[in-house]
């Protein structure tokens, strides 16, 4: 929401996953202590968010329509952050 780039964020997640040992405990700035597998699941959420929003933008869907997708929202309800994440993805991709 503050001007970051979601594709850069995804690249950073990939870089971390490439070098951390499988038994590493992830201590985030927000949230609970997690495993590498948890981080990989979050990375997949970020990647799918980008893909979904990119496709929706290409299809001419509005942000409100994107945020109203019940399948995506239910699948990732633990990370959707009240729709703010999709707003950030939309803003980042639209800026390109």
PDB file of N, CA and C in Angstrom:
ATOM      1  N   UNK A   1       0.829  -1.199   0.000  1.00  0.00           N
ATOM      2  CA  UNK A   1       0.000   0.000   0.000  1.00  0.00           C
ATOM      3  C   UNK A   1       0.871   1.259   0.000  1.00  0.00           C
ATOM      4  N   UNK A   2       2.154   1.103   0.276  1.00  0.00           N
ATOM      5  CA  UNK A   2       3.041   2.263   0.353  1.00  0.00           C
ATOM      6  C   UNK A   2       4.009   2.333  -0.815  1.00  0.00           C
ATOM      7  N   UNK A   3       3.623   1.755  -1.952  1.00  0.00           N
ATOM      8  CA  UNK A   3       4.439   1.883  -3.145  1.00  0.00           C
ATOM      9  C   UNK A   3       5.319   0.692  -3.446  1.00  0.00           C
ATOM     10  N   UNK A   4       5.228  -0.369  -2.664  1.00  0.00           N
ATOM     11  CA  UNK A   4       6.031  -1.556  -2.942  1.00  0.00           C
ATOM     12  C   UNK A   4       5.557  -2.260  -4.203  1.00  0.00           C
ATOM     13  N   UNK A   5       6.365  -3.185  -4.653  1.00  0.00           N
ATOM     14  CA  UNK A   5       6.082  -3.932  -5.875  1.00  0.00           C
ATOM     15  C   UNK A   5       5.817  -5.392  -5.513  1.00  0.00           C
ATOM     16  N   UNK A   6       4.622  -5.893  -5.831  1.00  0.00           N
ATOM     17  CA  UNK A   6       4.272  -7.260  -5.440  1.00  0.00           C
ATOM     18  C   UNK A   6       5.134  -8.304  -6.134  1.00  0.00           C
ATOM     19  N   UNK A   7       5.563  -8.033  -7.348  1.00  0.00           N
ATOM     20  CA  UNK A   7       6.439  -9.002  -8.025  1.00  0.00           C
ATOM     21  C   UNK A   7       7.820  -9.024  -7.364  1.00  0.00           C
ATOM     22  N   UNK A   8       8.282  -7.883  -6.893  1.00  0.00           N
ATOM     23  CA  UNK A   8       9.527  -7.839  -6.126  1.00  0.00           C
ATOM     24  C   UNK A   8       9.384  -8.593  -4.811  1.00  0.00           C
ATOM     25  N   UNK A   9       8.234  -8.442  -4.178  1.00  0.00           N
ATOM     26  CA  UNK A   9       7.956  -9.170  -2.935  1.00  0.00           C
ATOM     27  C   UNK A   9       8.004 -10.671  -3.178  1.00  0.00           C
ATOM     28  N   UNK A  10       7.387 -11.117  -4.274  1.00  0.00           N
ATOM     29  CA  UNK A  10       7.412 -12.537  -4.625  1.00  0.00           C
ATOM     30  C   UNK A  10       8.850 -12.997  -4.871  1.00  0.00           C
ATOM     31  N   UNK A  11       9.624 -12.199  -5.570  1.00  0.00           N
ATOM     32  CA  UNK A  11      11.035 -12.552  -5.802  1.00  0.00           C
ATOM     33  C   UNK A  11      11.798 -12.675  -4.491  1.00  0.00           C
ATOM     34  N   UNK A  12      11.513 -11.784  -3.540  1.00  0.00           N
ATOM     35  CA  UNK A  12      12.169 -11.860  -2.233  1.00  0.00           C
ATOM     36  C   UNK A  12      11.778 -13.125  -1.484  1.00  0.00           C
ATOM     37  N   UNK A  13      10.512 -13.493  -1.539  1.00  0.00           N
ATOM     38  CA  UNK A  13      10.080 -14.735  -0.895  1.00  0.00           C
ATOM     39  C   UNK A  13      10.778 -15.937  -1.529  1.00  0.00           C
ATOM     40  N   UNK A  14      10.891 -15.946  -2.854  1.00  0.00           N
ATOM     41  CA  UNK A  14      11.592 -17.033  -3.545  1.00  0.00           C
ATOM     42  C   UNK A  14      13.059 -17.097  -3.124  1.00  0.00           C
ATOM     43  N   UNK A  15      13.685 -15.941  -2.982  1.00  0.00           N
ATOM     44  CA  UNK A  15      15.093 -15.901  -2.582  1.00  0.00           C
ATOM     45  C   UNK A  15      15.283 -16.468  -1.173  1.00  0.00           C
ATOM     46  N   UNK A  16      14.406 -16.085  -0.262  1.00  0.00           N
ATOM     47  CA  UNK A  16      14.496 -16.615   1.110  1.00  0.00           C
ATOM     48  C   UNK A  16      14.300 -18.129   1.103  1.00  0.00           C
ATOM     49  N   UNK A  17      13.289 -18.592   0.387  1.00  0.00           N
ATOM     50  CA  UNK A  17      13.011 -20.034   0.354  1.00  0.00           C
ATOM     51  C   UNK A  17      14.152 -20.821  -0.284  1.00  0.00           C
ATOM     52  N   UNK A  18      14.914 -20.189  -1.157  1.00  0.00           N
ATOM     53  CA  UNK A  18      16.025 -20.876  -1.819  1.00  0.00           C
ATOM     54  C   UNK A  18      17.206 -21.117  -0.888  1.00  0.00           C
ATOM     55  N   UNK A  19      17.343 -20.327   0.168  1.00  0.00           N
ATOM     56  CA  UNK A  19      18.526 -20.494   1.009  1.00  0.00           C
ATOM     57  C   UNK A  19      18.271 -20.918   2.445  1.00  0.00           C
ATOM     58  N   UNK A  20      17.040 -20.910   2.917  1.00  0.00           N
ATOM     59  CA  UNK A  20      16.816 -21.323   4.308  1.00  0.00           C
ATOM     60  C   UNK A  20      16.714 -22.847   4.407  1.00  0.00           C
ATOM     61  N   UNK A  21      17.323 -23.429   5.421  1.00  0.00           N
ATOM     62  CA  UNK A  21      17.173 -24.880   5.641  1.00  0.00           C
ATOM     63  C   UNK A  21      15.719 -25.244   5.933  1.00  0.00           C
ATOM     64  N   UNK A  22      15.341 -26.444   5.609  1.00  0.00           N
ATOM     65  CA  UNK A  22      13.948 -26.905   5.740  1.00  0.00           C
ATOM     66  C   UNK A  22      13.438 -26.849   7.177  1.00  0.00           C
ATOM     67  N   UNK A  23      14.325 -26.953   8.157  1.00  0.00           N
ATOM     68  CA  UNK A  23      13.882 -26.970   9.555  1.00  0.00           C
ATOM     69  C   UNK A  23      13.919 -25.581  10.214  1.00  0.00           C
ATOM     70  N   UNK A  24      14.092 -24.542   9.428  1.00  0.00           N
ATOM     71  CA  UNK A  24      14.158 -23.177   9.947  1.00  0.00           C
ATOM     72  C   UNK A  24      12.808 -22.749  10.511  1.00  0.00           C
ATOM     73  N   UNK A  25      12.857 -22.045  11.622  1.00  0.00           N
ATOM     74  CA  UNK A  25      11.660 -21.415  12.176  1.00  0.00           C
ATOM     75  C   UNK A  25      11.634 -19.973  11.696  1.00  0.00           C
ATOM     76  N   UNK A  26      10.525 -19.550  11.146  1.00  0.00           N
ATOM     77  CA  UNK A  26      10.354 -18.199  10.634  1.00  0.00           C
ATOM     78  C   UNK A  26       9.691 -17.356  11.725  1.00  0.00           C
ATOM     79  N   UNK A  27      10.345 -16.269  12.103  1.00  0.00           N
ATOM     80  CA  UNK A  27       9.797 -15.371  13.117  1.00  0.00           C
ATOM     81  C   UNK A  27       9.449 -14.070  12.401  1.00  0.00           C
ATOM     82  N   UNK A  28       8.172 -13.908  12.033  1.00  0.00           N
ATOM     83  CA  UNK A  28       7.778 -12.732  11.252  1.00  0.00           C
ATOM     84  C   UNK A  28       7.652 -11.481  12.109  1.00  0.00           C
ATOM     85  N   UNK A  29       7.642 -10.347  11.454  1.00  0.00           N
ATOM     86  CA  UNK A  29       7.393  -9.093  12.150  1.00  0.00           C
ATOM     87  C   UNK A  29       5.966  -9.009  12.654  1.00  0.00           C
ATOM     88  N   UNK A  30       5.060  -9.726  11.996  1.00  0.00           N
ATOM     89  CA  UNK A  30       3.652  -9.800  12.391  1.00  0.00           C
ATOM     90  C   UNK A  30       3.243 -11.261  12.291  1.00  0.00           C
ATOM     91  N   UNK A  31       2.412 -11.712  13.182  1.00  0.00           N
ATOM     92  CA  UNK A  31       1.915 -13.087  13.107  1.00  0.00           C
ATOM     93  C   UNK A  31       2.679 -14.032  14.015  1.00  0.00           C
ATOM     94  N   UNK A  32       2.447 -15.296  13.793  1.00  0.00           N
ATOM     95  CA  UNK A  32       2.996 -16.332  14.658  1.00  0.00           C
ATOM     96  C   UNK A  32       4.262 -16.942  14.062  1.00  0.00           C
ATOM     97  N   UNK A  33       5.051 -17.572  14.929  1.00  0.00           N
ATOM     98  CA  UNK A  33       6.230 -18.299  14.475  1.00  0.00           C
ATOM     99  C   UNK A  33       5.766 -19.380  13.499  1.00  0.00           C
ATOM    100  N   UNK A  34       6.460 -19.503  12.384  1.00  0.00           N
ATOM    101  CA  UNK A  34       6.030 -20.387  11.307  1.00  0.00           C
ATOM    102  C   UNK A  34       7.171 -21.281  10.839  1.00  0.00           C
ATOM    103  N   UNK A  35       6.829 -22.227  10.008  1.00  0.00           N
ATOM    104  CA  UNK A  35       7.816 -23.129   9.416  1.00  0.00           C
ATOM    105  C   UNK A  35       8.119 -22.695   7.984  1.00  0.00           C
ATOM    106  N   UNK A  36       9.113 -23.312   7.388  1.00  0.00           N
ATOM    107  CA  UNK A  36       9.419 -23.062   5.987  1.00  0.00           C
ATOM    108  C   UNK A  36       8.234 -23.465   5.123  1.00  0.00           C
ATOM    109  N   UNK A  37       7.562 -24.541   5.494  1.00  0.00           N
ATOM    110  CA  UNK A  37       6.371 -24.961   4.744  1.00  0.00           C
ATOM    111  C   UNK A  37       5.282 -23.889   4.810  1.00  0.00           C
ATOM    112  N   UNK A  38       5.111 -23.268   5.975  1.00  0.00           N
ATOM    113  CA  UNK A  38       4.143 -22.165   6.098  1.00  0.00           C
ATOM    114  C   UNK A  38       4.537 -21.002   5.191  1.00  0.00           C
ATOM    115  N   UNK A  39       5.832 -20.682   5.145  1.00  0.00           N
ATOM    116  CA  UNK A  39       6.296 -19.600   4.281  1.00  0.00           C
ATOM    117  C   UNK A  39       6.067 -19.954   2.815  1.00  0.00           C
ATOM    118  N   UNK A  40       6.265 -21.200   2.463  1.00  0.00           N
ATOM    119  CA  UNK A  40       6.031 -21.640   1.083  1.00  0.00           C
ATOM    120  C   UNK A  40       4.546 -21.493   0.720  1.00  0.00           C
ATOM    121  N   UNK A  41       3.663 -21.819   1.651  1.00  0.00           N
ATOM    122  CA  UNK A  41       2.226 -21.650   1.402  1.00  0.00           C
ATOM    123  C   UNK A  41       1.876 -20.175   1.226  1.00  0.00           C
ATOM    124  N   UNK A  42       2.494 -19.319   2.043  1.00  0.00           N
ATOM    125  CA  UNK A  42       2.265 -17.892   1.899  1.00  0.00           C
ATOM    126  C   UNK A  42       2.798 -17.397   0.558  1.00  0.00           C
ATOM    127  N   UNK A  43       3.963 -17.880   0.152  1.00  0.00           N
ATOM    128  CA  UNK A  43       4.538 -17.528  -1.145  1.00  0.00           C
ATOM    129  C   UNK A  43       3.581 -17.909  -2.274  1.00  0.00           C
ATOM    130  N   UNK A  44       2.983 -19.086  -2.159  1.00  0.00           N
ATOM    131  CA  UNK A  44       2.034 -19.535  -3.186  1.00  0.00           C
ATOM    132  C   UNK A  44       0.797 -18.630  -3.217  1.00  0.00           C
ATOM    133  N   UNK A  45       0.355 -18.182  -2.047  1.00  0.00           N
ATOM    134  CA  UNK A  45      -0.747 -17.220  -1.970  1.00  0.00           C
ATOM    135  C   UNK A  45      -0.390 -15.928  -2.704  1.00  0.00           C
ATOM    136  N   UNK A  46       0.816 -15.419  -2.474  1.00  0.00           N
ATOM    137  CA  UNK A  46       1.250 -14.192  -3.136  1.00  0.00           C
ATOM    138  C   UNK A  46       1.279 -14.399  -4.650  1.00  0.00           C
ATOM    139  N   UNK A  47       1.862 -15.517  -5.096  1.00  0.00           N
ATOM    140  CA  UNK A  47       1.950 -15.802  -6.531  1.00  0.00           C
ATOM    141  C   UNK A  47       0.563 -15.931  -7.152  1.00  0.00           C
ATOM    142  N   UNK A  48      -0.334 -16.642  -6.490  1.00  0.00           N
ATOM    143  CA  UNK A  48      -1.681 -16.799  -7.036  1.00  0.00           C
ATOM    144  C   UNK A  48      -2.439 -15.474  -7.028  1.00  0.00           C
ATOM    145  N   UNK A  49      -2.223 -14.655  -5.998  1.00  0.00           N
ATOM    146  CA  UNK A  49      -2.851 -13.333  -5.953  1.00  0.00           C
ATOM    147  C   UNK A  49      -2.447 -12.514  -7.168  1.00  0.00           C
ATOM    148  N   UNK A  50      -1.169 -12.519  -7.471  1.00  0.00           N
ATOM    149  CA  UNK A  50      -0.673 -11.768  -8.626  1.00  0.00           C
ATOM    150  C   UNK A  50      -1.314 -12.294  -9.901  1.00  0.00           C
ATOM    151  N   UNK A  51      -1.333 -13.603 -10.070  1.00  0.00           N
ATOM    152  CA  UNK A  51      -1.901 -14.195 -11.286  1.00  0.00           C
ATOM    153  C   UNK A  51      -3.384 -13.881 -11.432  1.00  0.00           C
ATOM    154  N   UNK A  52      -4.129 -13.999 -10.339  1.00  0.00           N
ATOM    155  CA  UNK A  52      -5.571 -13.752 -10.371  1.00  0.00           C
ATOM    156  C   UNK A  52      -5.853 -12.288 -10.713  1.00  0.00           C
ATOM    157  N   UNK A  53      -5.169 -11.381 -10.048  1.00  0.00           N
ATOM    158  CA  UNK A  53      -5.424  -9.963 -10.266  1.00  0.00           C
ATOM    159  C   UNK A  53      -4.963  -9.544 -11.664  1.00  0.00           C
ATOM    160  N   UNK A  54      -3.816 -10.073 -12.120  1.00  0.00           N
ATOM    161  CA  UNK A  54      -3.365  -9.760 -13.481  1.00  0.00           C
ATOM    162  C   UNK A  54      -4.401 -10.176 -14.518  1.00  0.00           C
ATOM    163  N   UNK A  55      -4.936 -11.373 -14.357  1.00  0.00           N
ATOM    164  CA  UNK A  55      -5.944 -11.864 -15.296  1.00  0.00           C
ATOM    165  C   UNK A  55      -7.203 -11.015 -15.212  1.00  0.00           C
ATOM    166  N   UNK A  56      -7.627 -10.696 -14.003  1.00  0.00           N
ATOM    167  CA  UNK A  56      -8.832  -9.887 -13.839  1.00  0.00           C
ATOM    168  C   UNK A  56      -8.660  -8.499 -14.443  1.00  0.00           C
ATOM    169  N   UNK A  57      -7.498  -7.895 -14.271  1.00  0.00           N
ATOM    170  CA  UNK A  57      -7.240  -6.589 -14.880  1.00  0.00           C
ATOM    171  C   UNK A  57      -7.326  -6.709 -16.403  1.00  0.00           C
ATOM    172  N   UNK A  58      -6.708  -7.753 -16.955  1.00  0.00           N
ATOM    173  CA  UNK A  58      -6.733  -7.973 -18.407  1.00  0.00           C
ATOM    174  C   UNK A  58      -8.157  -8.200 -18.909  1.00  0.00           C
ATOM    175  N   UNK A  59      -8.997  -8.809 -18.061  1.00  0.00           N
ATOM    176  CA  UNK A  59     -10.392  -9.064 -18.428  1.00  0.00           C
ATOM    177  C   UNK A  59     -11.293  -7.856 -18.192  1.00  0.00           C
ATOM    178  N   UNK A  60     -10.716  -6.757 -17.703  1.00  0.00           N
ATOM    179  CA  UNK A  60     -11.489  -5.530 -17.500  1.00  0.00           C
ATOM    180  C   UNK A  60     -12.284  -5.490 -16.204  1.00  0.00           C
ATOM    181  N   UNK A  61     -11.973  -6.361 -15.264  1.00  0.00           N
ATOM    182  CA  UNK A  61     -12.710  -6.357 -13.993  1.00  0.00           C
ATOM    183  C   UNK A  61     -12.222  -5.222 -13.103  1.00  0.00           C
ATOM    184  N   UNK A  62     -13.136  -4.678 -12.329  1.00  0.00           N
ATOM    185  CA  UNK A  62     -12.803  -3.611 -11.391  1.00  0.00           C
ATOM    186  C   UNK A  62     -12.239  -4.214 -10.102  1.00  0.00           C
ATOM    187  N   UNK A  63     -11.634  -3.363  -9.305  1.00  0.00           N
ATOM    188  CA  UNK A  63     -11.112  -3.809  -8.012  1.00  0.00           C
ATOM    189  C   UNK A  63     -12.230  -4.375  -7.144  1.00  0.00           C
ATOM    190  N   UNK A  64     -13.385  -3.749  -7.133  1.00  0.00           N
ATOM    191  CA  UNK A  64     -14.512  -4.259  -6.336  1.00  0.00           C
ATOM    192  C   UNK A  64     -14.923  -5.652  -6.808  1.00  0.00           C
ATOM    193  N   UNK A  65     -14.907  -5.878  -8.111  1.00  0.00           N
ATOM    194  CA  UNK A  65     -15.229  -7.215  -8.631  1.00  0.00           C
ATOM    195  C   UNK A  65     -14.163  -8.234  -8.223  1.00  0.00           C
ATOM    196  N   UNK A  66     -12.905  -7.816  -8.286  1.00  0.00           N
ATOM    197  CA  UNK A  66     -11.808  -8.705  -7.890  1.00  0.00           C
ATOM    198  C   UNK A  66     -11.948  -9.071  -6.413  1.00  0.00           C
ATOM    199  N   UNK A  67     -12.225  -8.080  -5.573  1.00  0.00           N
ATOM    200  CA  UNK A  67     -12.362  -8.318  -4.135  1.00  0.00           C
ATOM    201  C   UNK A  67     -13.596  -9.139  -3.798  1.00  0.00           C
ATOM    202  N   UNK A  68     -14.528  -9.262  -4.728  1.00  0.00           N
ATOM    203  CA  UNK A  68     -15.755 -10.010  -4.486  1.00  0.00           C
ATOM    204  C   UNK A  68     -15.697 -11.465  -4.905  1.00  0.00           C
ATOM    205  N   UNK A  69     -14.531 -11.942  -5.330  1.00  0.00           N
ATOM    206  CA  UNK A  69     -14.389 -13.335  -5.781  1.00  0.00           C
ATOM    207  C   UNK A  69     -14.451 -14.270  -4.573  1.00  0.00           C
ATOM    208  N   UNK A  70     -15.572 -14.960  -4.358  1.00  0.00           N
ATOM    209  CA  UNK A  70     -15.730 -15.773  -3.136  1.00  0.00           C
ATOM    210  C   UNK A  70     -14.782 -16.969  -3.088  1.00  0.00           C
ATOM    211  N   UNK A  71     -14.445 -17.563  -4.208  1.00  0.00           N
ATOM    212  CA  UNK A  71     -13.560 -18.734  -4.192  1.00  0.00           C
ATOM    213  C   UNK A  71     -12.161 -18.359  -3.724  1.00  0.00           C
ATOM    214  N   UNK A  72     -11.611 -17.302  -4.295  1.00  0.00           N
ATOM    215  CA  UNK A  72     -10.275 -16.861  -3.903  1.00  0.00           C
ATOM    216  C   UNK A  72     -10.266 -16.416  -2.446  1.00  0.00           C
ATOM    217  N   UNK A  73     -11.263 -15.642  -2.061  1.00  0.00           N
ATOM    218  CA  UNK A  73     -11.303 -15.120  -0.701  1.00  0.00           C
ATOM    219  C   UNK A  73     -11.433 -16.230   0.333  1.00  0.00           C
ATOM    220  N   UNK A  74     -12.214 -17.229   0.047  1.00  0.00           N
ATOM    221  CA  UNK A  74     -12.378 -18.326   1.002  1.00  0.00           C
ATOM    222  C   UNK A  74     -11.102 -19.158   1.088  1.00  0.00           C
ATOM    223  N   UNK A  75     -10.505 -19.418  -0.054  1.00  0.00           N
ATOM    224  CA  UNK A  75      -9.286 -20.246  -0.093  1.00  0.00           C
ATOM    225  C   UNK A  75      -8.172 -19.638   0.761  1.00  0.00           C
ATOM    226  N   UNK A  76      -8.060 -18.324   0.747  1.00  0.00           N
ATOM    227  CA  UNK A  76      -6.964 -17.649   1.439  1.00  0.00           C
ATOM    228  C   UNK A  76      -7.457 -16.716   2.543  1.00  0.00           C
ATOM    229  N   UNK A  77      -8.514 -17.100   3.224  1.00  0.00           N
ATOM    230  CA  UNK A  77      -9.116 -16.200   4.205  1.00  0.00           C
ATOM    231  C   UNK A  77      -8.151 -15.790   5.322  1.00  0.00           C
ATOM    232  N   UNK A  78      -7.150 -16.621   5.641  1.00  0.00           N
ATOM    233  CA  UNK A  78      -6.231 -16.266   6.723  1.00  0.00           C
ATOM    234  C   UNK A  78      -5.284 -15.134   6.336  1.00  0.00           C
ATOM    235  N   UNK A  79      -5.151 -14.843   5.037  1.00  0.00           N
ATOM    236  CA  UNK A  79      -4.210 -13.811   4.598  1.00  0.00           C
ATOM    237  C   UNK A  79      -4.851 -12.646   3.864  1.00  0.00           C
ATOM    238  N   UNK A  80      -6.122 -12.660   3.638  1.00  0.00           N
ATOM    239  CA  UNK A  80      -6.707 -11.656   2.747  1.00  0.00           C
ATOM    240  C   UNK A  80      -6.751 -10.260   3.349  1.00  0.00           C
ATOM    241  N   UNK A  81      -6.701 -10.136   4.664  1.00  0.00           N
ATOM    242  CA  UNK A  81      -6.552  -8.846   5.328  1.00  0.00           C
ATOM    243  C   UNK A  81      -7.652  -7.858   4.942  1.00  0.00           C
ATOM    244  N   UNK A  82      -8.873  -8.319   4.934  1.00  0.00           N
ATOM    245  CA  UNK A  82     -10.002  -7.444   4.667  1.00  0.00           C
ATOM    246  C   UNK A  82     -10.023  -6.844   3.271  1.00  0.00           C
ATOM    247  N   UNK A  83      -9.365  -7.478   2.348  1.00  0.00           N
ATOM    248  CA  UNK A  83      -9.327  -6.975   0.981  1.00  0.00           C
ATOM    249  C   UNK A  83      -8.171  -6.023   0.708  1.00  0.00           C
ATOM    250  N   UNK A  84      -7.459  -5.607   1.754  1.00  0.00           N
ATOM    251  CA  UNK A  84      -6.355  -4.661   1.559  1.00  0.00           C
ATOM    252  C   UNK A  84      -5.226  -5.272   0.746  1.00  0.00           C
ATOM    253  N   UNK A  85      -5.003  -6.581   0.893  1.00  0.00           N
ATOM    254  CA  UNK A  85      -3.946  -7.223   0.116  1.00  0.00           C
ATOM    255  C   UNK A  85      -4.268  -7.128  -1.378  1.00  0.00           C
ATOM    256  N   UNK A  86      -5.503  -7.447  -1.758  1.00  0.00           N
ATOM    257  CA  UNK A  86      -5.867  -7.377  -3.173  1.00  0.00           C
ATOM    258  C   UNK A  86      -5.801  -5.945  -3.698  1.00  0.00           C
ATOM    259  N   UNK A  87      -6.098  -4.972  -2.851  1.00  0.00           N
ATOM    260  CA  UNK A  87      -5.950  -3.572  -3.237  1.00  0.00           C
ATOM    261  C   UNK A  87      -4.486  -3.266  -3.536  1.00  0.00           C
ATOM    262  N   UNK A  88      -3.590  -3.755  -2.688  1.00  0.00           N
ATOM    263  CA  UNK A  88      -2.161  -3.517  -2.890  1.00  0.00           C
ATOM    264  C   UNK A  88      -1.669  -4.200  -4.160  1.00  0.00           C
ATOM    265  N   UNK A  89      -2.132  -5.418  -4.409  1.00  0.00           N
ATOM    266  CA  UNK A  89      -1.727  -6.125  -5.632  1.00  0.00           C
ATOM    267  C   UNK A  89      -2.243  -5.371  -6.851  1.00  0.00           C
ATOM    268  N   UNK A  90      -3.490  -4.973  -6.827  1.00  0.00           N
ATOM    269  CA  UNK A  90      -4.082  -4.240  -7.940  1.00  0.00           C
ATOM    270  C   UNK A  90      -3.312  -2.940  -8.197  1.00  0.00           C
ATOM    271  N   UNK A  91      -3.027  -2.210  -7.152  1.00  0.00           N
ATOM    272  CA  UNK A  91      -2.307  -0.939  -7.288  1.00  0.00           C
ATOM    273  C   UNK A  91      -0.910  -1.166  -7.861  1.00  0.00           C
ATOM    274  N   UNK A  92      -0.227  -2.175  -7.372  1.00  0.00           N
ATOM    275  CA  UNK A  92       1.129  -2.462  -7.850  1.00  0.00           C
ATOM    276  C   UNK A  92       1.127  -2.852  -9.319  1.00  0.00           C
ATOM    277  N   UNK A  93       0.205  -3.738  -9.697  1.00  0.00           N
ATOM    278  CA  UNK A  93       0.163  -4.198 -11.094  1.00  0.00           C
ATOM    279  C   UNK A  93      -0.326  -3.100 -12.034  1.00  0.00           C
ATOM    280  N   UNK A  94      -1.244  -2.275 -11.570  1.00  0.00           N
ATOM    281  CA  UNK A  94      -1.776  -1.194 -12.414  1.00  0.00           C
ATOM    282  C   UNK A  94      -0.733  -0.114 -12.644  1.00  0.00           C
ATOM    283  N   UNK A  95       0.231   0.001 -11.736  1.00  0.00           N
ATOM    284  CA  UNK A  95       1.276   1.021 -11.859  1.00  0.00           C
ATOM    285  C   UNK A  95       2.280   0.674 -12.953  1.00  0.00           C
ATOM    286  N   UNK A  96       2.276  -0.554 -13.418  1.00  0.00           N
ATOM    287  CA  UNK A  96       3.250  -0.997 -14.431  1.00  0.00           C
ATOM    288  C   UNK A  96       2.813  -0.625 -15.813  1.00  0.00           C
TER     289      UNK A  96
END
